[in-house]
Amino acid sequence: MNADGHLQRARELEETIAYLLAALQPERHVASIVENIYGAAQQYIAYALEIRHGEHSDTHAGLVRRLRNYGYPDIAQLFLEIEGLRMGRWYGKQGDGETIAKCQQLLSSIRDWATK
């Protein structure tokens, strides 16, 4: 996937997130919402790394290391926070509206960095 494809996929995932948040009971969809936020964050990061450094990435494996190597430790930390919240929701079935709000805040920061 090229940079524009990563950006488009991130935006599509954000549309899915908005749809799930508009559901009558979004708290029933916490795991799906967080999973989509994680995916969108990965896509925004892939977009930014390709635009800024010519690096192509279609996987999250090694993403944190690459971010740190390129001098983006703050973005690496934001992605790690989403990943940690994702693990708790997916495997631990923990979560609520506060989790969604925190993940949205983290994603917003990653989006802002990636698209500036």
PDB file of N, CA and C in Angstrom:
ATOM      1  N   MET A   1       0.850  -1.170   0.000  1.00  0.00           N
ATOM      2  CA  MET A   1       0.000   0.000   0.000  1.00  0.00           C
ATOM      3  C   MET A   1       0.899   1.238   0.000  1.00  0.00           C
ATOM      4  N   ASN A   2       0.532   2.238  -0.774  1.00  0.00           N
ATOM      5  CA  ASN A   2       1.318   3.466  -0.805  1.00  0.00           C
ATOM      6  C   ASN A   2       0.837   4.435   0.286  1.00  0.00           C
ATOM      7  N   ALA A   3       1.501   5.577   0.394  1.00  0.00           N
ATOM      8  CA  ALA A   3       1.181   6.536   1.451  1.00  0.00           C
ATOM      9  C   ALA A   3      -0.285   6.967   1.398  1.00  0.00           C
ATOM     10  N   ASP A   4      -0.759   7.289   0.202  1.00  0.00           N
ATOM     11  CA  ASP A   4      -2.161   7.704   0.079  1.00  0.00           C
ATOM     12  C   ASP A   4      -3.120   6.595   0.503  1.00  0.00           C
ATOM     13  N   GLY A   5      -2.752   5.355   0.216  1.00  0.00           N
ATOM     14  CA  GLY A   5      -3.567   4.214   0.640  1.00  0.00           C
ATOM     15  C   GLY A   5      -3.632   4.102   2.150  1.00  0.00           C
ATOM     16  N   HIS A   6      -2.502   4.334   2.824  1.00  0.00           N
ATOM     17  CA  HIS A   6      -2.489   4.298   4.294  1.00  0.00           C
ATOM     18  C   HIS A   6      -3.373   5.400   4.863  1.00  0.00           C
ATOM     19  N   LEU A   7      -3.278   6.577   4.277  1.00  0.00           N
ATOM     20  CA  LEU A   7      -4.094   7.693   4.752  1.00  0.00           C
ATOM     21  C   LEU A   7      -5.576   7.409   4.533  1.00  0.00           C
ATOM     22  N   GLN A   8      -5.922   6.890   3.365  1.00  0.00           N
ATOM     23  CA  GLN A   8      -7.316   6.551   3.076  1.00  0.00           C
ATOM     24  C   GLN A   8      -7.833   5.481   4.041  1.00  0.00           C
ATOM     25  N   ARG A   9      -7.020   4.460   4.299  1.00  0.00           N
ATOM     26  CA  ARG A   9      -7.441   3.396   5.218  1.00  0.00           C
ATOM     27  C   ARG A   9      -7.659   3.939   6.625  1.00  0.00           C
ATOM     28  N   ALA A  10      -6.781   4.837   7.075  1.00  0.00           N
ATOM     29  CA  ALA A  10      -6.946   5.440   8.398  1.00  0.00           C
ATOM     30  C   ALA A  10      -8.275   6.187   8.479  1.00  0.00           C
ATOM     31  N   ARG A  11      -8.595   6.921   7.434  1.00  0.00           N
ATOM     32  CA  ARG A  11      -9.850   7.683   7.419  1.00  0.00           C
ATOM     33  C   ARG A  11     -11.060   6.760   7.371  1.00  0.00           C
ATOM     34  N   GLU A  12     -10.956   5.654   6.639  1.00  0.00           N
ATOM     35  CA  GLU A  12     -12.045   4.669   6.603  1.00  0.00           C
ATOM     36  C   GLU A  12     -12.263   4.066   7.984  1.00  0.00           C
ATOM     37  N   LEU A  13     -11.182   3.760   8.675  1.00  0.00           N
ATOM     38  CA  LEU A  13     -11.304   3.208  10.021  1.00  0.00           C
ATOM     39  C   LEU A  13     -11.940   4.223  10.966  1.00  0.00           C
ATOM     40  N   GLU A  14     -11.602   5.487  10.794  1.00  0.00           N
ATOM     41  CA  GLU A  14     -12.227   6.504  11.630  1.00  0.00           C
ATOM     42  C   GLU A  14     -13.724   6.634  11.337  1.00  0.00           C
ATOM     43  N   GLU A  15     -14.127   6.403  10.103  1.00  0.00           N
ATOM     44  CA  GLU A  15     -15.560   6.377   9.781  1.00  0.00           C
ATOM     45  C   GLU A  15     -16.245   5.221  10.510  1.00  0.00           C
ATOM     46  N   THR A  16     -15.590   4.082  10.549  1.00  0.00           N
ATOM     47  CA  THR A  16     -16.136   2.923  11.268  1.00  0.00           C
ATOM     48  C   THR A  16     -16.249   3.229  12.754  1.00  0.00           C
ATOM     49  N   ILE A  17     -15.241   3.870  13.316  1.00  0.00           N
ATOM     50  CA  ILE A  17     -15.265   4.252  14.726  1.00  0.00           C
ATOM     51  C   ILE A  17     -16.453   5.167  14.997  1.00  0.00           C
ATOM     52  N   ALA A  18     -16.656   6.157  14.148  1.00  0.00           N
ATOM     53  CA  ALA A  18     -17.777   7.082  14.317  1.00  0.00           C
ATOM     54  C   ALA A  18     -19.109   6.340  14.257  1.00  0.00           C
ATOM     55  N   TYR A  19     -19.216   5.377  13.355  1.00  0.00           N
ATOM     56  CA  TYR A  19     -20.434   4.577  13.242  1.00  0.00           C
ATOM     57  C   TYR A  19     -20.687   3.797  14.531  1.00  0.00           C
ATOM     58  N   LEU A  20     -19.652   3.166  15.051  1.00  0.00           N
ATOM     59  CA  LEU A  20     -19.811   2.386  16.281  1.00  0.00           C
ATOM     60  C   LEU A  20     -20.128   3.284  17.478  1.00  0.00           C
ATOM     61  N   LEU A  21     -19.550   4.471  17.504  1.00  0.00           N
ATOM     62  CA  LEU A  21     -19.836   5.408  18.593  1.00  0.00           C
ATOM     63  C   LEU A  21     -21.266   5.925  18.534  1.00  0.00           C
ATOM     64  N   ALA A  22     -21.829   5.958  17.339  1.00  0.00           N
ATOM     65  CA  ALA A  22     -23.207   6.432  17.179  1.00  0.00           C
ATOM     66  C   ALA A  22     -24.227   5.348  17.515  1.00  0.00           C
ATOM     67  N   ALA A  23     -23.762   4.136  17.756  1.00  0.00           N
ATOM     68  CA  ALA A  23     -24.668   3.035  18.102  1.00  0.00           C
ATOM     69  C   ALA A  23     -25.395   3.369  19.401  1.00  0.00           C
ATOM     70  N   LEU A  24     -26.522   2.727  19.595  1.00  0.00           N
ATOM     71  CA  LEU A  24     -27.313   2.987  20.793  1.00  0.00           C
ATOM     72  C   LEU A  24     -26.545   2.693  22.076  1.00  0.00           C
ATOM     73  N   GLN A  25     -25.689   1.695  22.048  1.00  0.00           N
ATOM     74  CA  GLN A  25     -24.908   1.329  23.230  1.00  0.00           C
ATOM     75  C   GLN A  25     -23.437   1.139  22.827  1.00  0.00           C
ATOM     76  N   PRO A  26     -22.701   2.239  22.638  1.00  0.00           N
ATOM     77  CA  PRO A  26     -21.313   2.103  22.176  1.00  0.00           C
ATOM     78  C   PRO A  26     -20.439   1.312  23.148  1.00  0.00           C
ATOM     79  N   GLU A  27     -20.792   1.305  24.434  1.00  0.00           N
ATOM     80  CA  GLU A  27     -19.997   0.555  25.396  1.00  0.00           C
ATOM     81  C   GLU A  27     -20.017  -0.951  25.129  1.00  0.00           C
ATOM     82  N   ARG A  28     -20.995  -1.410  24.360  1.00  0.00           N
ATOM     83  CA  ARG A  28     -21.033  -2.824  23.965  1.00  0.00           C
ATOM     84  C   ARG A  28     -20.003  -3.112  22.886  1.00  0.00           C
ATOM     85  N   HIS A  29     -19.445  -2.071  22.283  1.00  0.00           N
ATOM     86  CA  HIS A  29     -18.520  -2.223  21.163  1.00  0.00           C
ATOM     87  C   HIS A  29     -17.111  -1.723  21.503  1.00  0.00           C
ATOM     88  N   VAL A  30     -16.788  -1.649  22.793  1.00  0.00           N
ATOM     89  CA  VAL A  30     -15.498  -1.089  23.201  1.00  0.00           C
ATOM     90  C   VAL A  30     -14.337  -1.802  22.512  1.00  0.00           C
ATOM     91  N   ALA A  31     -14.325  -3.127  22.513  1.00  0.00           N
ATOM     92  CA  ALA A  31     -13.210  -3.867  21.906  1.00  0.00           C
ATOM     93  C   ALA A  31     -13.081  -3.532  20.424  1.00  0.00           C
ATOM     94  N   SER A  32     -14.189  -3.462  19.712  1.00  0.00           N
ATOM     95  CA  SER A  32     -14.137  -3.140  18.282  1.00  0.00           C
ATOM     96  C   SER A  32     -13.693  -1.706  18.040  1.00  0.00           C
ATOM     97  N   ILE A  33     -14.158  -0.797  18.862  1.00  0.00           N
ATOM     98  CA  ILE A  33     -13.776   0.605  18.715  1.00  0.00           C
ATOM     99  C   ILE A  33     -12.282   0.765  18.968  1.00  0.00           C
ATOM    100  N   VAL A  34     -11.793   0.171  20.037  1.00  0.00           N
ATOM    101  CA  VAL A  34     -10.367   0.278  20.365  1.00  0.00           C
ATOM    102  C   VAL A  34      -9.522  -0.399  19.291  1.00  0.00           C
ATOM    103  N   GLU A  35      -9.970  -1.529  18.790  1.00  0.00           N
ATOM    104  CA  GLU A  35      -9.237  -2.219  17.719  1.00  0.00           C
ATOM    105  C   GLU A  35      -9.141  -1.346  16.468  1.00  0.00           C
ATOM    106  N   ASN A  36     -10.211  -0.675  16.139  1.00  0.00           N
ATOM    107  CA  ASN A  36     -10.200   0.214  14.974  1.00  0.00           C
ATOM    108  C   ASN A  36      -9.337   1.443  15.218  1.00  0.00           C
ATOM    109  N   ILE A  37      -9.320   1.953  16.433  1.00  0.00           N
ATOM    110  CA  ILE A  37      -8.442   3.072  16.765  1.00  0.00           C
ATOM    111  C   ILE A  37      -6.983   2.645  16.614  1.00  0.00           C
ATOM    112  N   TYR A  38      -6.661   1.456  17.087  1.00  0.00           N
ATOM    113  CA  TYR A  38      -5.312   0.910  16.946  1.00  0.00           C
ATOM    114  C   TYR A  38      -4.931   0.809  15.470  1.00  0.00           C
ATOM    115  N   GLY A  39      -5.826   0.292  14.666  1.00  0.00           N
ATOM    116  CA  GLY A  39      -5.567   0.169  13.234  1.00  0.00           C
ATOM    117  C   GLY A  39      -5.390   1.512  12.564  1.00  0.00           C
ATOM    118  N   ALA A  40      -6.224   2.475  12.929  1.00  0.00           N
ATOM    119  CA  ALA A  40      -6.107   3.812  12.349  1.00  0.00           C
ATOM    120  C   ALA A  40      -4.775   4.454  12.738  1.00  0.00           C
ATOM    121  N   ALA A  41      -4.376   4.286  13.985  1.00  0.00           N
ATOM    122  CA  ALA A  41      -3.088   4.836  14.433  1.00  0.00           C
ATOM    123  C   ALA A  41      -1.947   4.227  13.633  1.00  0.00           C
ATOM    124  N   GLN A  42      -2.000   2.925  13.434  1.00  0.00           N
ATOM    125  CA  GLN A  42      -0.970   2.240  12.647  1.00  0.00           C
ATOM    126  C   GLN A  42      -0.920   2.797  11.223  1.00  0.00           C
ATOM    127  N   GLN A  43      -2.066   3.025  10.630  1.00  0.00           N
ATOM    128  CA  GLN A  43      -2.123   3.545   9.259  1.00  0.00           C
ATOM    129  C   GLN A  43      -1.590   4.976   9.176  1.00  0.00           C
ATOM    130  N   TYR A  44      -1.947   5.821  10.152  1.00  0.00           N
ATOM    131  CA  TYR A  44      -1.424   7.190  10.153  1.00  0.00           C
ATOM    132  C   TYR A  44       0.092   7.200  10.304  1.00  0.00           C
ATOM    133  N   ILE A  45       0.606   6.337  11.164  1.00  0.00           N
ATOM    134  CA  ILE A  45       2.053   6.266  11.359  1.00  0.00           C
ATOM    135  C   ILE A  45       2.735   5.778  10.079  1.00  0.00           C
ATOM    136  N   ALA A  46       2.169   4.753   9.454  1.00  0.00           N
ATOM    137  CA  ALA A  46       2.738   4.245   8.200  1.00  0.00           C
ATOM    138  C   ALA A  46       2.750   5.344   7.139  1.00  0.00           C
ATOM    139  N   TYR A  47       1.673   6.109   7.074  1.00  0.00           N
ATOM    140  CA  TYR A  47       1.594   7.230   6.138  1.00  0.00           C
ATOM    141  C   TYR A  47       2.725   8.231   6.396  1.00  0.00           C
ATOM    142  N   ALA A  48       2.866   8.644   7.657  1.00  0.00           N
ATOM    143  CA  ALA A  48       3.867   9.651   7.997  1.00  0.00           C
ATOM    144  C   ALA A  48       5.286   9.158   7.728  1.00  0.00           C
ATOM    145  N   LEU A  49       5.573   7.912   8.082  1.00  0.00           N
ATOM    146  CA  LEU A  49       6.925   7.399   7.856  1.00  0.00           C
ATOM    147  C   LEU A  49       7.243   7.287   6.364  1.00  0.00           C
ATOM    148  N   GLU A  50       6.250   6.956   5.579  1.00  0.00           N
ATOM    149  CA  GLU A  50       6.495   6.870   4.141  1.00  0.00           C
ATOM    150  C   GLU A  50       6.704   8.263   3.538  1.00  0.00           C
ATOM    151  N   ILE A  51       5.883   9.216   3.930  1.00  0.00           N
ATOM    152  CA  ILE A  51       5.998  10.582   3.412  1.00  0.00           C
ATOM    153  C   ILE A  51       7.317  11.224   3.853  1.00  0.00           C
ATOM    154  N   ARG A  52       7.666  11.055   5.117  1.00  0.00           N
ATOM    155  CA  ARG A  52       8.832  11.742   5.678  1.00  0.00           C
ATOM    156  C   ARG A  52      10.157  11.028   5.450  1.00  0.00           C
ATOM    157  N   HIS A  53      10.113   9.689   5.405  1.00  0.00           N
ATOM    158  CA  HIS A  53      11.370   8.939   5.369  1.00  0.00           C
ATOM    159  C   HIS A  53      11.435   7.903   4.246  1.00  0.00           C
ATOM    160  N   GLY A  54      10.385   7.829   3.439  1.00  0.00           N
ATOM    161  CA  GLY A  54      10.374   6.866   2.347  1.00  0.00           C
ATOM    162  C   GLY A  54      10.309   5.425   2.810  1.00  0.00           C
ATOM    163  N   GLU A  55       9.910   5.217   4.046  1.00  0.00           N
ATOM    164  CA  GLU A  55       9.834   3.859   4.593  1.00  0.00           C
ATOM    165  C   GLU A  55       8.438   3.301   4.405  1.00  0.00           C
ATOM    166  N   HIS A  56       8.381   2.138   3.804  1.00  0.00           N
ATOM    167  CA  HIS A  56       7.109   1.465   3.574  1.00  0.00           C
ATOM    168  C   HIS A  56       6.887   0.423   4.650  1.00  0.00           C
ATOM    169  N   SER A  57       5.709   0.455   5.288  1.00  0.00           N
ATOM    170  CA  SER A  57       5.391  -0.503   6.346  1.00  0.00           C
ATOM    171  C   SER A  57       3.924  -0.888   6.269  1.00  0.00           C
ATOM    172  N   ASP A  58       3.671  -2.178   6.214  1.00  0.00           N
ATOM    173  CA  ASP A  58       2.293  -2.667   6.226  1.00  0.00           C
ATOM    174  C   ASP A  58       1.993  -3.478   7.484  1.00  0.00           C
ATOM    175  N   THR A  59       2.831  -3.337   8.501  1.00  0.00           N
ATOM    176  CA  THR A  59       2.633  -4.107   9.723  1.00  0.00           C
ATOM    177  C   THR A  59       3.009  -3.262  10.937  1.00  0.00           C
ATOM    178  N   HIS A  60       2.462  -3.635  12.076  1.00  0.00           N
ATOM    179  CA  HIS A  60       2.801  -2.918  13.302  1.00  0.00           C
ATOM    180  C   HIS A  60       4.095  -3.441  13.928  1.00  0.00           C
ATOM    181  N   ALA A  61       4.575  -4.582  13.469  1.00  0.00           N
ATOM    182  CA  ALA A  61       5.787  -5.175  14.030  1.00  0.00           C
ATOM    183  C   ALA A  61       6.974  -4.232  13.842  1.00  0.00           C
ATOM    184  N   GLY A  62       7.635  -3.891  14.925  1.00  0.00           N
ATOM    185  CA  GLY A  62       8.794  -3.017  14.879  1.00  0.00           C
ATOM    186  C   GLY A  62       8.480  -1.545  14.727  1.00  0.00           C
ATOM    187  N   LEU A  63       7.205  -1.203  14.732  1.00  0.00           N
ATOM    188  CA  LEU A  63       6.802   0.185  14.500  1.00  0.00           C
ATOM    189  C   LEU A  63       7.316   1.124  15.588  1.00  0.00           C
ATOM    190  N   VAL A  64       7.239   0.693  16.835  1.00  0.00           N
ATOM    191  CA  VAL A  64       7.697   1.531  17.947  1.00  0.00           C
ATOM    192  C   VAL A  64       9.200   1.773  17.829  1.00  0.00           C
ATOM    193  N   ARG A  65       9.953   0.745  17.521  1.00  0.00           N
ATOM    194  CA  ARG A  65      11.402   0.877  17.357  1.00  0.00           C
ATOM    195  C   ARG A  65      11.725   1.852  16.222  1.00  0.00           C
ATOM    196  N   ARG A  66      11.007   1.714  15.100  1.00  0.00           N
ATOM    197  CA  ARG A  66      11.262   2.606  13.970  1.00  0.00           C
ATOM    198  C   ARG A  66      10.943   4.058  14.317  1.00  0.00           C
ATOM    199  N   LEU A  67       9.853   4.261  15.024  1.00  0.00           N
ATOM    200  CA  LEU A  67       9.511   5.620  15.444  1.00  0.00           C
ATOM    201  C   LEU A  67      10.620   6.212  16.309  1.00  0.00           C
ATOM    202  N   ARG A  68      11.111   5.433  17.240  1.00  0.00           N
ATOM    203  CA  ARG A  68      12.187   5.917  18.114  1.00  0.00           C
ATOM    204  C   ARG A  68      13.461   6.192  17.311  1.00  0.00           C
ATOM    205  N   ASN A  69      13.789   5.294  16.387  1.00  0.00           N
ATOM    206  CA  ASN A  69      14.997   5.467  15.568  1.00  0.00           C
ATOM    207  C   ASN A  69      14.923   6.730  14.711  1.00  0.00           C
ATOM    208  N   TYR A  70      13.733   7.100  14.264  1.00  0.00           N
ATOM    209  CA  TYR A  70      13.574   8.303  13.452  1.00  0.00           C
ATOM    210  C   TYR A  70      13.428   9.573  14.295  1.00  0.00           C
ATOM    211  N   GLY A  71      13.424   9.404  15.623  1.00  0.00           N
ATOM    212  CA  GLY A  71      13.360  10.576  16.490  1.00  0.00           C
ATOM    213  C   GLY A  71      11.963  10.989  16.908  1.00  0.00           C
ATOM    214  N   TYR A  72      11.048  10.031  16.957  1.00  0.00           N
ATOM    215  CA  TYR A  72       9.667  10.314  17.375  1.00  0.00           C
ATOM    216  C   TYR A  72       9.294   9.508  18.622  1.00  0.00           C
ATOM    217  N   PRO A  73      10.031   9.682  19.729  1.00  0.00           N
ATOM    218  CA  PRO A  73       9.733   8.881  20.923  1.00  0.00           C
ATOM    219  C   PRO A  73       8.347   9.163  21.505  1.00  0.00           C
ATOM    220  N   ASP A  74       7.877  10.400  21.366  1.00  0.00           N
ATOM    221  CA  ASP A  74       6.549  10.728  21.900  1.00  0.00           C
ATOM    222  C   ASP A  74       5.443   9.988  21.143  1.00  0.00           C
ATOM    223  N   ILE A  75       5.584   9.884  19.842  1.00  0.00           N
ATOM    224  CA  ILE A  75       4.592   9.168  19.038  1.00  0.00           C
ATOM    225  C   ILE A  75       4.667   7.674  19.345  1.00  0.00           C
ATOM    226  N   ALA A  76       5.883   7.167  19.523  1.00  0.00           N
ATOM    227  CA  ALA A  76       6.051   5.766  19.902  1.00  0.00           C
ATOM    228  C   ALA A  76       5.311   5.485  21.209  1.00  0.00           C
ATOM    229  N   GLN A  77       5.412   6.396  22.171  1.00  0.00           N
ATOM    230  CA  GLN A  77       4.747   6.210  23.459  1.00  0.00           C
ATOM    231  C   GLN A  77       3.224   6.247  23.310  1.00  0.00           C
ATOM    232  N   LEU A  78       2.724   7.148  22.480  1.00  0.00           N
ATOM    233  CA  LEU A  78       1.276   7.212  22.249  1.00  0.00           C
ATOM    234  C   LEU A  78       0.773   5.897  21.654  1.00  0.00           C
ATOM    235  N   PHE A  79       1.513   5.369  20.688  1.00  0.00           N
ATOM    236  CA  PHE A  79       1.120   4.103  20.062  1.00  0.00           C
ATOM    237  C   PHE A  79       1.170   2.965  21.076  1.00  0.00           C
ATOM    238  N   LEU A  80       2.182   2.958  21.930  1.00  0.00           N
ATOM    239  CA  LEU A  80       2.270   1.933  22.983  1.00  0.00           C
ATOM    240  C   LEU A  80       1.086   2.013  23.947  1.00  0.00           C
ATOM    241  N   GLU A  81       0.655   3.227  24.250  1.00  0.00           N
ATOM    242  CA  GLU A  81      -0.505   3.390  25.141  1.00  0.00           C
ATOM    243  C   GLU A  81      -1.762   2.811  24.499  1.00  0.00           C
ATOM    244  N   ILE A  82      -1.966   3.096  23.221  1.00  0.00           N
ATOM    245  CA  ILE A  82      -3.124   2.511  22.527  1.00  0.00           C
ATOM    246  C   ILE A  82      -3.007   0.989  22.532  1.00  0.00           C
ATOM    247  N   GLU A  83      -1.811   0.494  22.245  1.00  0.00           N
ATOM    248  CA  GLU A  83      -1.600  -0.950  22.220  1.00  0.00           C
ATOM    249  C   GLU A  83      -1.920  -1.588  23.570  1.00  0.00           C
ATOM    250  N   GLY A  84      -1.515  -0.939  24.650  1.00  0.00           N
ATOM    251  CA  GLY A  84      -1.812  -1.452  25.984  1.00  0.00           C
ATOM    252  C   GLY A  84      -3.307  -1.464  26.278  1.00  0.00           C
ATOM    253  N   LEU A  85      -3.990  -0.409  25.905  1.00  0.00           N
ATOM    254  CA  LEU A  85      -5.440  -0.349  26.099  1.00  0.00           C
ATOM    255  C   LEU A  85      -6.134  -1.383  25.227  1.00  0.00           C
ATOM    256  N   ARG A  86      -5.619  -1.582  24.040  1.00  0.00           N
ATOM    257  CA  ARG A  86      -6.164  -2.592  23.122  1.00  0.00           C
ATOM    258  C   ARG A  86      -6.053  -3.984  23.734  1.00  0.00           C
ATOM    259  N   MET A  87      -4.898  -4.295  24.273  1.00  0.00           N
ATOM    260  CA  MET A  87      -4.689  -5.622  24.866  1.00  0.00           C
ATOM    261  C   MET A  87      -5.679  -5.868  26.007  1.00  0.00           C
ATOM    262  N   GLY A  88      -5.884  -4.859  26.833  1.00  0.00           N
ATOM    263  CA  GLY A  88      -6.812  -4.999  27.951  1.00  0.00           C
ATOM    264  C   GLY A  88      -8.243  -5.191  27.505  1.00  0.00           C
ATOM    265  N   ARG A  89      -8.622  -4.535  26.426  1.00  0.00           N
ATOM    266  CA  ARG A  89     -10.002  -4.644  25.944  1.00  0.00           C
ATOM    267  C   ARG A  89     -10.190  -5.938  25.181  1.00  0.00           C
ATOM    268  N   TRP A  90      -9.224  -6.305  24.390  1.00  0.00           N
ATOM    269  CA  TRP A  90      -9.379  -7.480  23.533  1.00  0.00           C
ATOM    270  C   TRP A  90      -9.270  -8.768  24.332  1.00  0.00           C
ATOM    271  N   TYR A  91      -8.261  -8.838  25.174  1.00  0.00           N
ATOM    272  CA  TYR A  91      -8.009 -10.076  25.904  1.00  0.00           C
ATOM    273  C   TYR A  91      -8.624 -10.077  27.294  1.00  0.00           C
ATOM    274  N   GLY A  92      -8.713  -8.905  27.927  1.00  0.00           N
ATOM    275  CA  GLY A  92      -9.244  -8.835  29.275  1.00  0.00           C
ATOM    276  C   GLY A  92     -10.698  -8.431  29.343  1.00  0.00           C
ATOM    277  N   LYS A  93     -11.250  -8.038  28.197  1.00  0.00           N
ATOM    278  CA  LYS A  93     -12.645  -7.596  28.114  1.00  0.00           C
ATOM    279  C   LYS A  93     -12.942  -6.478  29.098  1.00  0.00           C
ATOM    280  N   GLN A  94     -11.934  -5.640  29.352  1.00  0.00           N
ATOM    281  CA  GLN A  94     -12.126  -4.493  30.221  1.00  0.00           C
ATOM    282  C   GLN A  94     -12.389  -3.286  29.342  1.00  0.00           C
ATOM    283  N   GLY A  95     -13.159  -2.350  29.839  1.00  0.00           N
ATOM    284  CA  GLY A  95     -13.335  -1.145  29.054  1.00  0.00           C
ATOM    285  C   GLY A  95     -14.647  -0.458  29.289  1.00  0.00           C
ATOM    286  N   ASP A  96     -14.647   0.808  28.987  1.00  0.00           N
ATOM    287  CA  ASP A  96     -15.832   1.629  29.143  1.00  0.00           C
ATOM    288  C   ASP A  96     -15.643   2.898  28.330  1.00  0.00           C
ATOM    289  N   GLY A  97     -16.511   3.847  28.563  1.00  0.00           N
ATOM    290  CA  GLY A  97     -16.432   5.103  27.830  1.00  0.00           C
ATOM    291  C   GLY A  97     -15.134   5.854  28.060  1.00  0.00           C
ATOM    292  N   GLU A  98     -14.553   5.731  29.264  1.00  0.00           N
ATOM    293  CA  GLU A  98     -13.286   6.397  29.543  1.00  0.00           C
ATOM    294  C   GLU A  98     -12.165   5.825  28.677  1.00  0.00           C
ATOM    295  N   THR A  99     -12.189   4.524  28.472  1.00  0.00           N
ATOM    296  CA  THR A  99     -11.194   3.879  27.616  1.00  0.00           C
ATOM    297  C   THR A  99     -11.319   4.404  26.195  1.00  0.00           C
ATOM    298  N   ILE A 100     -12.535   4.487  25.704  1.00  0.00           N
ATOM    299  CA  ILE A 100     -12.759   4.990  24.349  1.00  0.00           C
ATOM    300  C   ILE A 100     -12.259   6.429  24.239  1.00  0.00           C
ATOM    301  N   ALA A 101     -12.602   7.257  25.202  1.00  0.00           N
ATOM    302  CA  ALA A 101     -12.195   8.660  25.168  1.00  0.00           C
ATOM    303  C   ALA A 101     -10.669   8.791  25.180  1.00  0.00           C
ATOM    304  N   LYS A 102      -9.990   7.997  26.004  1.00  0.00           N
ATOM    305  CA  LYS A 102      -8.530   8.042  26.078  1.00  0.00           C
ATOM    306  C   LYS A 102      -7.920   7.625  24.739  1.00  0.00           C
ATOM    307  N   CYS A 103      -8.435   6.549  24.161  1.00  0.00           N
ATOM    308  CA  CYS A 103      -7.926   6.076  22.872  1.00  0.00           C
ATOM    309  C   CYS A 103      -8.165   7.108  21.776  1.00  0.00           C
ATOM    310  N   GLN A 104      -9.311   7.754  21.796  1.00  0.00           N
ATOM    311  CA  GLN A 104      -9.594   8.794  20.803  1.00  0.00           C
ATOM    312  C   GLN A 104      -8.625   9.962  20.942  1.00  0.00           C
ATOM    313  N   GLN A 105      -8.303  10.329  22.172  1.00  0.00           N
ATOM    314  CA  GLN A 105      -7.358  11.411  22.422  1.00  0.00           C
ATOM    315  C   GLN A 105      -5.984  11.032  21.886  1.00  0.00           C
ATOM    316  N   LEU A 106      -5.541   9.814  22.152  1.00  0.00           N
ATOM    317  CA  LEU A 106      -4.242   9.350  21.665  1.00  0.00           C
ATOM    318  C   LEU A 106      -4.216   9.335  20.139  1.00  0.00           C
ATOM    319  N   LEU A 107      -5.295   8.820  19.534  1.00  0.00           N
ATOM    320  CA  LEU A 107      -5.372   8.783  18.074  1.00  0.00           C
ATOM    321  C   LEU A 107      -5.351  10.190  17.486  1.00  0.00           C
ATOM    322  N   SER A 108      -6.034  11.107  18.116  1.00  0.00           N
ATOM    323  CA  SER A 108      -6.055  12.483  17.634  1.00  0.00           C
ATOM    324  C   SER A 108      -4.643  13.075  17.601  1.00  0.00           C
ATOM    325  N   SER A 109      -3.868  12.807  18.629  1.00  0.00           N
ATOM    326  CA  SER A 109      -2.487  13.304  18.667  1.00  0.00           C
ATOM    327  C   SER A 109      -1.644  12.684  17.569  1.00  0.00           C
ATOM    328  N   ILE A 110      -1.821  11.377  17.331  1.00  0.00           N
ATOM    329  CA  ILE A 110      -1.080  10.709  16.263  1.00  0.00           C
ATOM    330  C   ILE A 110      -1.506  11.241  14.902  1.00  0.00           C
ATOM    331  N   ARG A 111      -2.814  11.432  14.700  1.00  0.00           N
ATOM    332  CA  ARG A 111      -3.307  11.968  13.438  1.00  0.00           C
ATOM    333  C   ARG A 111      -2.742  13.359  13.168  1.00  0.00           C
ATOM    334  N   ASP A 112      -2.768  14.205  14.200  1.00  0.00           N
ATOM    335  CA  ASP A 112      -2.260  15.571  14.062  1.00  0.00           C
ATOM    336  C   ASP A 112      -0.779  15.555  13.661  1.00  0.00           C
ATOM    337  N   TRP A 113       0.003  14.694  14.313  1.00  0.00           N
ATOM    338  CA  TRP A 113       1.432  14.589  13.985  1.00  0.00           C
ATOM    339  C   TRP A 113       1.628  14.074  12.552  1.00  0.00           C
ATOM    340  N   ALA A 114       0.875  13.068  12.187  1.00  0.00           N
ATOM    341  CA  ALA A 114       1.055  12.417  10.881  1.00  0.00           C
ATOM    342  C   ALA A 114       0.661  13.305   9.718  1.00  0.00           C
ATOM    343  N   THR A 115      -0.323  14.133   9.907  1.00  0.00           N
ATOM    344  CA  THR A 115      -0.884  14.890   8.792  1.00  0.00           C
ATOM    345  C   THR A 115      -0.464  16.362   8.784  1.00  0.00           C
ATOM    346  N   LYS A 116       0.431  16.741   9.670  1.00  0.00           N
ATOM    347  CA  LYS A 116       0.860  18.158   9.674  1.00  0.00           C
ATOM    348  C   LYS A 116       1.973  18.420   8.692  1.00  0.00           C
TER     349      LYS A 116
END
